[in-house]
C-alpha atoms as a PDB file:
ATOM      1  CA  UNK A   1     -45.847  31.825 205.738  1.00  0.00           C
ATOM      2  CA  UNK A   2     -47.987  29.593 203.566  1.00  0.00           C
ATOM      3  CA  UNK A   3     -47.962  25.477 203.628  1.00  0.00           C
ATOM      4  CA  UNK A   4     -48.631  23.627 200.146  1.00  0.00           C
ATOM      5  CA  UNK A   5     -50.373  20.300 201.221  1.00  0.00           C
ATOM      6  CA  UNK A   6     -50.620  17.704 198.829  1.00  0.00           C
ATOM      7  CA  UNK A   7     -52.216  14.535 198.678  1.00  0.00           C
ATOM      8  CA  UNK A   8     -55.733  12.853 199.304  1.00  0.00           C
ATOM      9  CA  UNK A   9     -58.854  14.510 199.656  1.00  0.00           C
ATOM     10  CA  UNK A  10     -61.604  11.812 201.118  1.00  0.00           C
ATOM     11  CA  UNK A  11     -64.846  11.981 202.402  1.00  0.00           C
ATOM     12  CA  UNK A  12     -64.586   9.557 205.771  1.00  0.00           C
ATOM     13  CA  UNK A  13     -67.752   7.866 207.441  1.00  0.00           C
ATOM     14  CA  UNK A  14     -66.323   6.883 210.993  1.00  0.00           C
ATOM     15  CA  UNK A  15     -68.139   3.729 212.498  1.00  0.00           C
ATOM     16  CA  UNK A  16     -67.270   3.522 215.807  1.00  0.00           C
ATOM     17  CA  UNK A  17     -67.929  -0.245 216.746  1.00  0.00           C
ATOM     18  CA  UNK A  18     -67.694  -2.776 220.438  1.00  0.00           C
ATOM     19  CA  UNK A  19     -64.607  -4.355 218.527  1.00  0.00           C
ATOM     20  CA  UNK A  20     -63.111  -4.468 215.342  1.00  0.00           C
ATOM     21  CA  UNK A  21     -64.176  -7.455 213.061  1.00  0.00           C
ATOM     22  CA  UNK A  22     -62.870 -10.877 213.194  1.00  0.00           C
ATOM     23  CA  UNK A  23     -63.370 -13.492 211.037  1.00  0.00           C
ATOM     24  CA  UNK A  24     -66.492 -15.221 211.395  1.00  0.00           C
ATOM     25  CA  UNK A  25     -67.393 -12.878 213.721  1.00  0.00           C
ATOM     26  CA  UNK A  26     -69.709  -9.782 214.854  1.00  0.00           C
ATOM     27  CA  UNK A  27     -69.082  -6.321 215.897  1.00  0.00           C
ATOM     28  CA  UNK A  28     -72.023  -3.671 216.545  1.00  0.00           C
ATOM     29  CA  UNK A  29     -72.172  -0.219 215.485  1.00  0.00           C
ATOM     30  CA  UNK A  30     -72.432   2.550 218.046  1.00  0.00           C
ATOM     31  CA  UNK A  31     -71.937   5.371 216.948  1.00  0.00           C
ATOM     32  CA  UNK A  32     -71.895   7.019 213.288  1.00  0.00           C
ATOM     33  CA  UNK A  33     -69.951  10.173 211.958  1.00  0.00           C
ATOM     34  CA  UNK A  34     -69.293  11.673 208.649  1.00  0.00           C
ATOM     35  CA  UNK A  35     -66.513  14.063 207.475  1.00  0.00           C
ATOM     36  CA  UNK A  36     -63.608  14.987 205.595  1.00  0.00           C
ATOM     37  CA  UNK A  37     -60.773  13.258 205.443  1.00  0.00           C
ATOM     38  CA  UNK A  38     -57.632  12.376 203.421  1.00  0.00           C
ATOM     39  CA  UNK A  39     -54.384  13.343 205.431  1.00  0.00           C
ATOM     40  CA  UNK A  40     -53.566  16.000 203.132  1.00  0.00           C
ATOM     41  CA  UNK A  41     -56.662  17.792 203.754  1.00  0.00           C
ATOM     42  CA  UNK A  42     -56.520  16.896 207.203  1.00  0.00           C
ATOM     43  CA  UNK A  43     -53.445  18.301 207.699  1.00  0.00           C
ATOM     44  CA  UNK A  44     -53.751  21.439 206.042  1.00  0.00           C
ATOM     45  CA  UNK A  45     -57.149  22.120 208.182  1.00  0.00           C
ATOM     46  CA  UNK A  46     -54.722  21.617 211.114  1.00  0.00           C
ATOM     47  CA  UNK A  47     -52.279  24.145 210.170  1.00  0.00           C
ATOM     48  CA  UNK A  48     -55.096  26.847 209.353  1.00  0.00           C
ATOM     49  CA  UNK A  49     -55.925  26.053 213.497  1.00  0.00           C
ATOM     50  CA  UNK A  50     -52.552  26.546 214.194  1.00  0.00           C
ATOM     51  CA  UNK A  51     -52.281  29.610 211.963  1.00  0.00           C
ATOM     52  CA  UNK A  52     -50.788  28.863 209.270  1.00  0.00           C
ATOM     53  CA  UNK A  53     -51.780  29.759 206.318  1.00  0.00           C
ATOM     54  CA  UNK A  54     -52.388  26.489 203.749  1.00  0.00           C
ATOM     55  CA  UNK A  55     -53.723  25.469 200.471  1.00  0.00           C
ATOM     56  CA  UNK A  56     -54.258  22.352 199.228  1.00  0.00           C
ATOM     57  CA  UNK A  57     -53.391  20.442 196.211  1.00  0.00           C
ATOM     58  CA  UNK A  58     -55.392  17.180 195.232  1.00  0.00           C
ATOM     59  CA  UNK A  59     -58.312  15.955 193.444  1.00  0.00           C
ATOM     60  CA  UNK A  60     -62.148  15.178 194.349  1.00  0.00           C
ATOM     61  CA  UNK A  61     -65.095  13.923 191.896  1.00  0.00           C
ATOM     62  CA  UNK A  62     -67.785  16.043 190.281  1.00  0.00           C
ATOM     63  CA  UNK A  63     -70.539  14.280 192.542  1.00  0.00           C
ATOM     64  CA  UNK A  64     -72.239  15.920 195.538  1.00  0.00           C
ATOM     65  CA  UNK A  65     -69.788  14.475 198.482  1.00  0.00           C
ATOM     66  CA  UNK A  66     -66.830  16.152 196.270  1.00  0.00           C
ATOM     67  CA  UNK A  67     -68.835  19.565 196.630  1.00  0.00           C
ATOM     68  CA  UNK A  68     -69.660  18.998 200.416  1.00  0.00           C
ATOM     69  CA  UNK A  69     -65.738  17.712 200.797  1.00  0.00           C
ATOM     70  CA  UNK A  70     -64.771  21.375 199.091  1.00  0.00           C
ATOM     71  CA  UNK A  71     -67.023  23.012 201.307  1.00  0.00           C
ATOM     72  CA  UNK A  72     -65.924  21.910 204.720  1.00  0.00           C
ATOM     73  CA  UNK A  73     -62.410  22.372 203.394  1.00  0.00           C
ATOM     74  CA  UNK A  74     -62.998  26.411 202.635  1.00  0.00           C
ATOM     75  CA  UNK A  75     -64.841  26.875 205.398  1.00  0.00           C
ATOM     76  CA  UNK A  76     -62.440  25.804 207.738  1.00  0.00           C
ATOM     77  CA  UNK A  77     -59.937  28.489 205.992  1.00  0.00           C
ATOM     78  CA  UNK A  78     -58.042  26.279 203.585  1.00  0.00           C
ATOM     79  CA  UNK A  79     -57.113  27.591 200.053  1.00  0.00           C
ATOM     80  CA  UNK A  80     -58.806  24.671 197.683  1.00  0.00           C
ATOM     81  CA  UNK A  81     -57.901  26.817 194.516  1.00  0.00           C
ATOM     82  CA  UNK A  82     -55.384  23.837 193.186  1.00  0.00           C
ATOM     83  CA  UNK A  83     -58.198  21.004 194.001  1.00  0.00           C
ATOM     84  CA  UNK A  84     -59.107  19.424 190.844  1.00  0.00           C
ATOM     85  CA  UNK A  85     -62.837  18.535 190.683  1.00  0.00           C
ATOM     86  CA  UNK A  86     -62.486  15.294 187.942  1.00  0.00           C
ATOM     87  CA  UNK A  87     -65.489  13.277 186.355  1.00  0.00           C
ATOM     88  CA  UNK A  88     -65.951  10.570 189.040  1.00  0.00           C
ATOM     89  CA  UNK A  89     -66.945   9.725 192.668  1.00  0.00           C
ATOM     90  CA  UNK A  90     -64.908  11.508 195.212  1.00  0.00           C
ATOM     91  CA  UNK A  91     -63.020   8.902 197.156  1.00  0.00           C
ATOM     92  CA  UNK A  92     -64.793   7.955 200.739  1.00  0.00           C
ATOM     93  CA  UNK A  93     -63.357   5.803 203.332  1.00  0.00           C
ATOM     94  CA  UNK A  94     -64.922   3.388 206.141  1.00  0.00           C
ATOM     95  CA  UNK A  95     -63.137   4.050 209.260  1.00  0.00           C
ATOM     96  CA  UNK A  96     -63.813   1.276 211.943  1.00  0.00           C
ATOM     97  CA  UNK A  97     -63.076   2.410 215.572  1.00  0.00           C
ATOM     98  CA  UNK A  98     -63.286  -0.071 218.325  1.00  0.00           C
ATOM     99  CA  UNK A  99     -63.791   0.731 222.162  1.00  0.00           C
ATOM    100  CA  UNK A 100     -59.853   1.845 222.359  1.00  0.00           C
ATOM    101  CA  UNK A 101     -59.439   3.939 219.639  1.00  0.00           C
ATOM    102  CA  UNK A 102     -57.725   1.510 217.429  1.00  0.00           C
ATOM    103  CA  UNK A 103     -58.691   2.185 213.869  1.00  0.00           C
ATOM    104  CA  UNK A 104     -59.089  -0.295 210.636  1.00  0.00           C
ATOM    105  CA  UNK A 105     -59.566   1.746 207.347  1.00  0.00           C
ATOM    106  CA  UNK A 106     -61.770   0.197 204.413  1.00  0.00           C
ATOM    107  CA  UNK A 107     -61.157   2.165 201.226  1.00  0.00           C
ATOM    108  CA  UNK A 108     -63.802   2.308 198.411  1.00  0.00           C
ATOM    109  CA  UNK A 109     -61.674   4.211 195.334  1.00  0.00           C
ATOM    110  CA  UNK A 110     -62.649   6.854 193.734  1.00  0.00           C
ATOM    111  CA  UNK A 111     -60.626  10.183 192.118  1.00  0.00           C
ATOM    112  CA  UNK A 112     -58.155  11.187 195.139  1.00  0.00           C
ATOM    113  CA  UNK A 113     -55.154  10.277 193.117  1.00  0.00           C
ATOM    114  CA  UNK A 114     -56.298  11.802 189.530  1.00  0.00           C
ATOM    115  CA  UNK A 115     -53.762  14.436 189.459  1.00  0.00           C
ATOM    116  CA  UNK A 116     -50.538  12.693 187.321  1.00  0.00           C
ATOM    117  CA  UNK A 117     -47.257  14.542 187.232  1.00  0.00           C
ATOM    118  CA  UNK A 118     -48.057  15.819 183.752  1.00  0.00           C
ATOM    119  CA  UNK A 119     -51.147  18.017 185.585  1.00  0.00           C
ATOM    120  CA  UNK A 120     -48.918  19.644 188.297  1.00  0.00           C
ATOM    121  CA  UNK A 121     -48.421  23.336 187.792  1.00  0.00           C
ATOM    122  CA  UNK A 122     -45.438  24.978 189.133  1.00  0.00           C
ATOM    123  CA  UNK A 123     -47.541  28.226 189.890  1.00  0.00           C
ATOM    124  CA  UNK A 124     -49.459  26.082 192.725  1.00  0.00           C
ATOM    125  CA  UNK A 125     -46.145  26.661 194.636  1.00  0.00           C
ATOM    126  CA  UNK A 126     -45.983  30.395 194.566  1.00  0.00           C
ATOM    127  CA  UNK A 127     -45.889  32.188 197.207  1.00  0.00           C
ATOM    128  CA  UNK A 128     -45.123  28.681 199.284  1.00  0.00           C
ATOM    129  CA  UNK A 129     -42.670  28.059 202.056  1.00  0.00           C
ATOM    130  CA  UNK A 130     -43.082  24.725 202.435  1.00  0.00           C
ATOM    131  CA  UNK A 131     -44.060  21.419 200.643  1.00  0.00           C
ATOM    132  CA  UNK A 132     -45.600  18.640 202.693  1.00  0.00           C
ATOM    133  CA  UNK A 133     -46.672  15.759 200.656  1.00  0.00           C
ATOM    134  CA  UNK A 134     -48.474  12.828 201.883  1.00  0.00           C
ATOM    135  CA  UNK A 135     -49.221   9.058 200.492  1.00  0.00           C
ATOM    136  CA  UNK A 136     -50.022   9.835 196.616  1.00  0.00           C
ATOM    137  CA  UNK A 137     -49.145   8.613 193.296  1.00  0.00           C
ATOM    138  CA  UNK A 138     -45.417   8.182 193.921  1.00  0.00           C
ATOM    139  CA  UNK A 139     -44.793  10.203 190.310  1.00  0.00           C
ATOM    140  CA  UNK A 140     -46.595  12.733 191.431  1.00  0.00           C
ATOM    141  CA  UNK A 141     -45.391  13.272 194.807  1.00  0.00           C
ATOM    142  CA  UNK A 142     -41.726  12.996 193.145  1.00  0.00           C
ATOM    143  CA  UNK A 143     -43.011  16.207 190.879  1.00  0.00           C
ATOM    144  CA  UNK A 144     -44.271  17.961 193.412  1.00  0.00           C
ATOM    145  CA  UNK A 145     -40.955  17.646 195.272  1.00  0.00           C
ATOM    146  CA  UNK A 146     -38.625  18.437 192.423  1.00  0.00           C
ATOM    147  CA  UNK A 147     -40.320  21.732 191.711  1.00  0.00           C
ATOM    148  CA  UNK A 148     -39.975  22.554 195.767  1.00  0.00           C
ATOM    149  CA  UNK A 149     -36.964  21.819 195.297  1.00  0.00           C
ATOM    150  CA  UNK A 150     -36.091  24.257 192.503  1.00  0.00           C
ATOM    151  CA  UNK A 151     -37.939  26.977 194.751  1.00  0.00           C
ATOM    152  CA  UNK A 152     -35.804  26.004 197.384  1.00  0.00           C
ATOM    153  CA  UNK A 153     -38.762  25.174 199.670  1.00  0.00           C
ATOM    154  CA  UNK A 154     -38.454  22.784 202.489  1.00  0.00           C
ATOM    155  CA  UNK A 155     -40.394  19.434 201.692  1.00  0.00           C
ATOM    156  CA  UNK A 156     -41.844  17.214 204.624  1.00  0.00           C
ATOM    157  CA  UNK A 157     -43.557  13.794 203.742  1.00  0.00           C
ATOM    158  CA  UNK A 158     -45.597  11.484 205.312  1.00  0.00           C
ATOM    159  CA  UNK A 159     -45.944   8.737 202.773  1.00  0.00           C
ATOM    160  CA  UNK A 160     -48.750   6.483 205.065  1.00  0.00           C
ATOM    161  CA  UNK A 161     -49.843   3.242 205.145  1.00  0.00           C
ATOM    162  CA  UNK A 162     -48.250   2.075 201.773  1.00  0.00           C
ATOM    163  CA  UNK A 163     -44.731   2.821 201.827  1.00  0.00           C
ATOM    164  CA  UNK A 164     -44.424  -0.762 201.892  1.00  0.00           C
ATOM    165  CA  UNK A 165     -45.893  -1.146 198.195  1.00  0.00           C
ATOM    166  CA  UNK A 166     -45.183   2.103 196.799  1.00  0.00           C
ATOM    167  CA  UNK A 167     -41.603   3.635 195.296  1.00  0.00           C
ATOM    168  CA  UNK A 168     -41.058   6.912 196.883  1.00  0.00           C
ATOM    169  CA  UNK A 169     -37.293   6.628 196.293  1.00  0.00           C
ATOM    170  CA  UNK A 170     -37.379   9.914 193.875  1.00  0.00           C
ATOM    171  CA  UNK A 171     -39.274  11.533 196.645  1.00  0.00           C
ATOM    172  CA  UNK A 172     -37.407  10.462 199.678  1.00  0.00           C
ATOM    173  CA  UNK A 173     -34.415  11.843 198.270  1.00  0.00           C
ATOM    174  CA  UNK A 174     -35.783  15.227 198.181  1.00  0.00           C
ATOM    175  CA  UNK A 175     -37.012  15.162 201.861  1.00  0.00           C
ATOM    176  CA  UNK A 176     -36.110  17.455 204.442  1.00  0.00           C
ATOM    177  CA  UNK A 177     -38.642  16.367 207.439  1.00  0.00           C
ATOM    178  CA  UNK A 178     -39.792  12.783 207.241  1.00  0.00           C
ATOM    179  CA  UNK A 179     -43.055  11.398 209.351  1.00  0.00           C
ATOM    180  CA  UNK A 180     -43.065   7.570 210.078  1.00  0.00           C
ATOM    181  CA  UNK A 181     -44.803   5.719 212.549  1.00  0.00           C
ATOM    182  CA  UNK A 182     -42.940   2.801 213.957  1.00  0.00           C
ATOM    183  CA  UNK A 183     -43.672  -0.152 211.595  1.00  0.00           C
ATOM    184  CA  UNK A 184     -42.513   2.206 208.760  1.00  0.00           C
ATOM    185  CA  UNK A 185     -39.662   3.154 210.038  1.00  0.00           C
ATOM    186  CA  UNK A 186     -38.672  -0.573 210.413  1.00  0.00           C
ATOM    187  CA  UNK A 187     -39.096  -0.756 206.338  1.00  0.00           C
ATOM    188  CA  UNK A 188     -36.926   2.246 205.449  1.00  0.00           C
ATOM    189  CA  UNK A 189     -33.308   2.226 205.517  1.00  0.00           C
ATOM    190  CA  UNK A 190     -31.342   5.501 206.749  1.00  0.00           C
ATOM    191  CA  UNK A 191     -29.118   5.317 204.195  1.00  0.00           C
ATOM    192  CA  UNK A 192     -32.141   5.738 201.655  1.00  0.00           C
ATOM    193  CA  UNK A 193     -32.544   9.898 203.116  1.00  0.00           C
ATOM    194  CA  UNK A 194     -30.671  12.633 202.750  1.00  0.00           C
ATOM    195  CA  UNK A 195     -27.951  13.088 205.164  1.00  0.00           C
ATOM    196  CA  UNK A 196     -29.839  16.146 206.818  1.00  0.00           C
ATOM    197  CA  UNK A 197     -33.210  14.451 207.056  1.00  0.00           C
ATOM    198  CA  UNK A 198     -34.980  15.134 210.017  1.00  0.00           C
ATOM    199  CA  UNK A 199     -37.301  11.947 210.746  1.00  0.00           C
ATOM    200  CA  UNK A 200     -40.055  11.596 213.129  1.00  0.00           C
ATOM    201  CA  UNK A 201     -41.241   8.237 214.344  1.00  0.00           C
ATOM    202  CA  UNK A 202     -44.317   8.288 216.104  1.00  0.00           C
ATOM    203  CA  UNK A 203     -44.974   5.777 218.762  1.00  0.00           C
ATOM    204  CA  UNK A 204     -48.543   6.115 219.481  1.00  0.00           C
ATOM    205  CA  UNK A 205     -48.994   6.871 223.293  1.00  0.00           C
ATOM    206  CA  UNK A 206     -45.652   6.315 224.203  1.00  0.00           C
ATOM    207  CA  UNK A 207     -44.828   9.478 222.271  1.00  0.00           C
ATOM    208  CA  UNK A 208     -42.324   9.970 219.047  1.00  0.00           C
ATOM    209  CA  UNK A 209     -38.750  10.562 218.672  1.00  0.00           C
ATOM    210  CA  UNK A 210     -37.068  13.184 216.433  1.00  0.00           C
ATOM    211  CA  UNK A 211     -33.935  11.390 214.655  1.00  0.00           C
ATOM    212  CA  UNK A 212     -30.820  13.173 212.813  1.00  0.00           C
ATOM    213  CA  UNK A 213     -27.957  11.634 211.468  1.00  0.00           C
ATOM    214  CA  UNK A 214     -26.447  13.630 214.489  1.00  0.00           C
ATOM    215  CA  UNK A 215     -28.405  13.590 217.140  1.00  0.00           C
ATOM    216  CA  UNK A 216     -31.805  11.898 218.877  1.00  0.00           C
ATOM    217  CA  UNK A 217     -34.397  13.678 220.702  1.00  0.00           C
ATOM    218  CA  UNK A 218     -37.193  11.548 222.691  1.00  0.00           C
ATOM    219  CA  UNK A 219     -40.731  13.186 224.153  1.00  0.00           C
ATOM    220  CA  UNK A 220     -42.717  10.493 226.142  1.00  0.00           C
ATOM    221  CA  UNK A 221     -45.744  11.722 224.842  1.00  0.00           C
ATOM    222  CA  UNK A 222     -49.028  13.543 226.565  1.00  0.00           C
ATOM    223  CA  UNK A 223     -51.202  11.712 228.878  1.00  0.00           C
ATOM    224  CA  UNK A 224     -55.079  11.901 227.209  1.00  0.00           C
ATOM    225  CA  UNK A 225     -57.685   8.785 226.990  1.00  0.00           C
ATOM    226  CA  UNK A 226     -57.449   7.673 223.463  1.00  0.00           C
ATOM    227  CA  UNK A 227     -60.776   8.101 221.484  1.00  0.00           C
ATOM    228  CA  UNK A 228     -59.753   7.459 218.167  1.00  0.00           C
ATOM    229  CA  UNK A 229     -56.764   7.743 216.430  1.00  0.00           C
ATOM    230  CA  UNK A 230     -58.233   8.447 213.246  1.00  0.00           C
ATOM    231  CA  UNK A 231     -56.139  11.556 211.878  1.00  0.00           C
ATOM    232  CA  UNK A 232     -53.775  11.779 215.053  1.00  0.00           C
ATOM    233  CA  UNK A 233     -50.571  11.218 212.691  1.00  0.00           C
ATOM    234  CA  UNK A 234     -51.817  14.254 210.848  1.00  0.00           C
ATOM    235  CA  UNK A 235     -52.293  16.410 213.743  1.00  0.00           C
ATOM    236  CA  UNK A 236     -48.540  15.656 214.959  1.00  0.00           C
ATOM    237  CA  UNK A 237     -47.911  16.317 211.284  1.00  0.00           C
ATOM    238  CA  UNK A 238     -49.398  19.761 211.515  1.00  0.00           C
ATOM    239  CA  UNK A 239     -48.176  20.589 215.152  1.00  0.00           C
ATOM    240  CA  UNK A 240     -44.773  19.934 213.980  1.00  0.00           C
ATOM    241  CA  UNK A 241     -44.522  22.311 210.996  1.00  0.00           C
ATOM    242  CA  UNK A 242     -46.609  24.713 212.526  1.00  0.00           C
ATOM    243  CA  UNK A 243     -44.155  24.850 215.539  1.00  0.00           C
ATOM    244  CA  UNK A 244     -41.144  24.828 213.261  1.00  0.00           C
ATOM    245  CA  UNK A 245     -42.506  27.478 211.017  1.00  0.00           C
ATOM    246  CA  UNK A 246     -42.960  29.615 214.583  1.00  0.00           C
ATOM    247  CA  UNK A 247     -39.159  29.432 215.131  1.00  0.00           C
ATOM    248  CA  UNK A 248     -39.411  26.934 217.724  1.00  0.00           C
ATOM    249  CA  UNK A 249     -36.933  24.398 217.973  1.00  0.00           C
ATOM    250  CA  UNK A 250     -36.966  21.034 217.557  1.00  0.00           C
ATOM    251  CA  UNK A 251     -37.322  19.864 221.400  1.00  0.00           C
ATOM    252  CA  UNK A 252     -39.976  21.958 221.503  1.00  0.00           C
ATOM    253  CA  UNK A 253     -41.910  21.385 218.230  1.00  0.00           C
ATOM    254  CA  UNK A 254     -41.574  17.641 218.870  1.00  0.00           C
ATOM    255  CA  UNK A 255     -43.649  18.245 222.202  1.00  0.00           C
ATOM    256  CA  UNK A 256     -46.040  20.215 220.382  1.00  0.00           C
ATOM    257  CA  UNK A 257     -46.555  17.737 217.653  1.00  0.00           C
ATOM    258  CA  UNK A 258     -46.966  15.001 220.546  1.00  0.00           C
ATOM    259  CA  UNK A 259     -49.685  17.248 222.183  1.00  0.00           C
ATOM    260  CA  UNK A 260     -51.593  17.676 218.559  1.00  0.00           C
ATOM    261  CA  UNK A 261     -51.666  14.229 218.129  1.00  0.00           C
ATOM    262  CA  UNK A 262     -52.867  13.632 221.520  1.00  0.00           C
ATOM    263  CA  UNK A 263     -55.230  16.426 221.066  1.00  0.00           C
ATOM    264  CA  UNK A 264     -56.270  14.598 217.691  1.00  0.00           C
ATOM    265  CA  UNK A 265     -56.561  10.710 219.282  1.00  0.00           C
ATOM    266  CA  UNK A 266     -58.731  11.814 222.302  1.00  0.00           C
ATOM    267  CA  UNK A 267     -61.556  13.185 220.277  1.00  0.00           C
ATOM    268  CA  UNK A 268     -63.841  11.401 217.454  1.00  0.00           C
ATOM    269  CA  UNK A 269     -63.461  11.806 213.599  1.00  0.00           C
ATOM    270  CA  UNK A 270     -60.455  12.717 212.264  1.00  0.00           C
ATOM    271  CA  UNK A 271     -60.155  16.624 212.409  1.00  0.00           C
ATOM    272  CA  UNK A 272     -58.840  17.649 215.733  1.00  0.00           C
ATOM    273  CA  UNK A 273     -60.084  21.126 217.454  1.00  0.00           C
ATOM    274  CA  UNK A 274     -56.573  22.160 217.753  1.00  0.00           C
ATOM    275  CA  UNK A 275     -55.568  26.008 218.883  1.00  0.00           C
ATOM    276  CA  UNK A 276     -52.062  27.363 220.603  1.00  0.00           C
ATOM    277  CA  UNK A 277     -54.380  27.941 223.648  1.00  0.00           C
ATOM    278  CA  UNK A 278     -55.234  23.890 223.750  1.00  0.00           C
ATOM    279  CA  UNK A 279     -51.364  22.782 223.199  1.00  0.00           C
ATOM    280  CA  UNK A 280     -50.176  25.131 225.739  1.00  0.00           C
ATOM    281  CA  UNK A 281     -52.310  24.050 227.962  1.00  0.00           C
ATOM    282  CA  UNK A 282     -51.332  20.294 227.608  1.00  0.00           C
ATOM    283  CA  UNK A 283     -47.581  21.362 228.054  1.00  0.00           C
END
């Protein structure tokens, strides 16, 4: 069963600091790490690690960084045949991480939203059973969701940090599984979602809640030391999707998601070393 992940493909530069910067203050870099990133790319890598087939829809620049990003994805087992290489610079993000694992992000731009709705090809969804959307251009996300709906695919969506400044109404109306954090959940009315939409709200170290119009499930999370929260939400999403596609019930899938998020937060960088053995050992 193949999952198509659509959204950003970035190159991440992680700077571990003694503290996050404050106005008129100074922070010291303790460590520096570079790797592929981007929410859609991170979820695709995690799904492959959890024994699901995953392909990626997105865009990189025609620079050396774009080639590095694609190479790292291909080495991880992700199908990158639907990733477009376009003129320009691959998006680079600087992730500032403090000693407690809290993260601030600096985005220097790039071509990670070069794929517009007119560029979307229906063939990208051939053979897929699920479409996972992330915080990309709203019109592109809406077109992909429309095509998935026409084919009877389930659609999950993690809109991310820019939910409050982008209009994702069309995509939300076709979403079966929605991933939010506490802040994002406070910005979105349940009435804007389909009645049968499953909403997963991440509470960080306090676990997560699964909510539908008929039931609510809670999981208190997994106790691992926080090192770097970068990519934890992506690992959480991949864990829930992989568990659901494996046929596990919602309660167990929620637990798997929390385990994957905790494993990601307890390691450096945006891509955790996930496996079912590591998840089962935690749970």
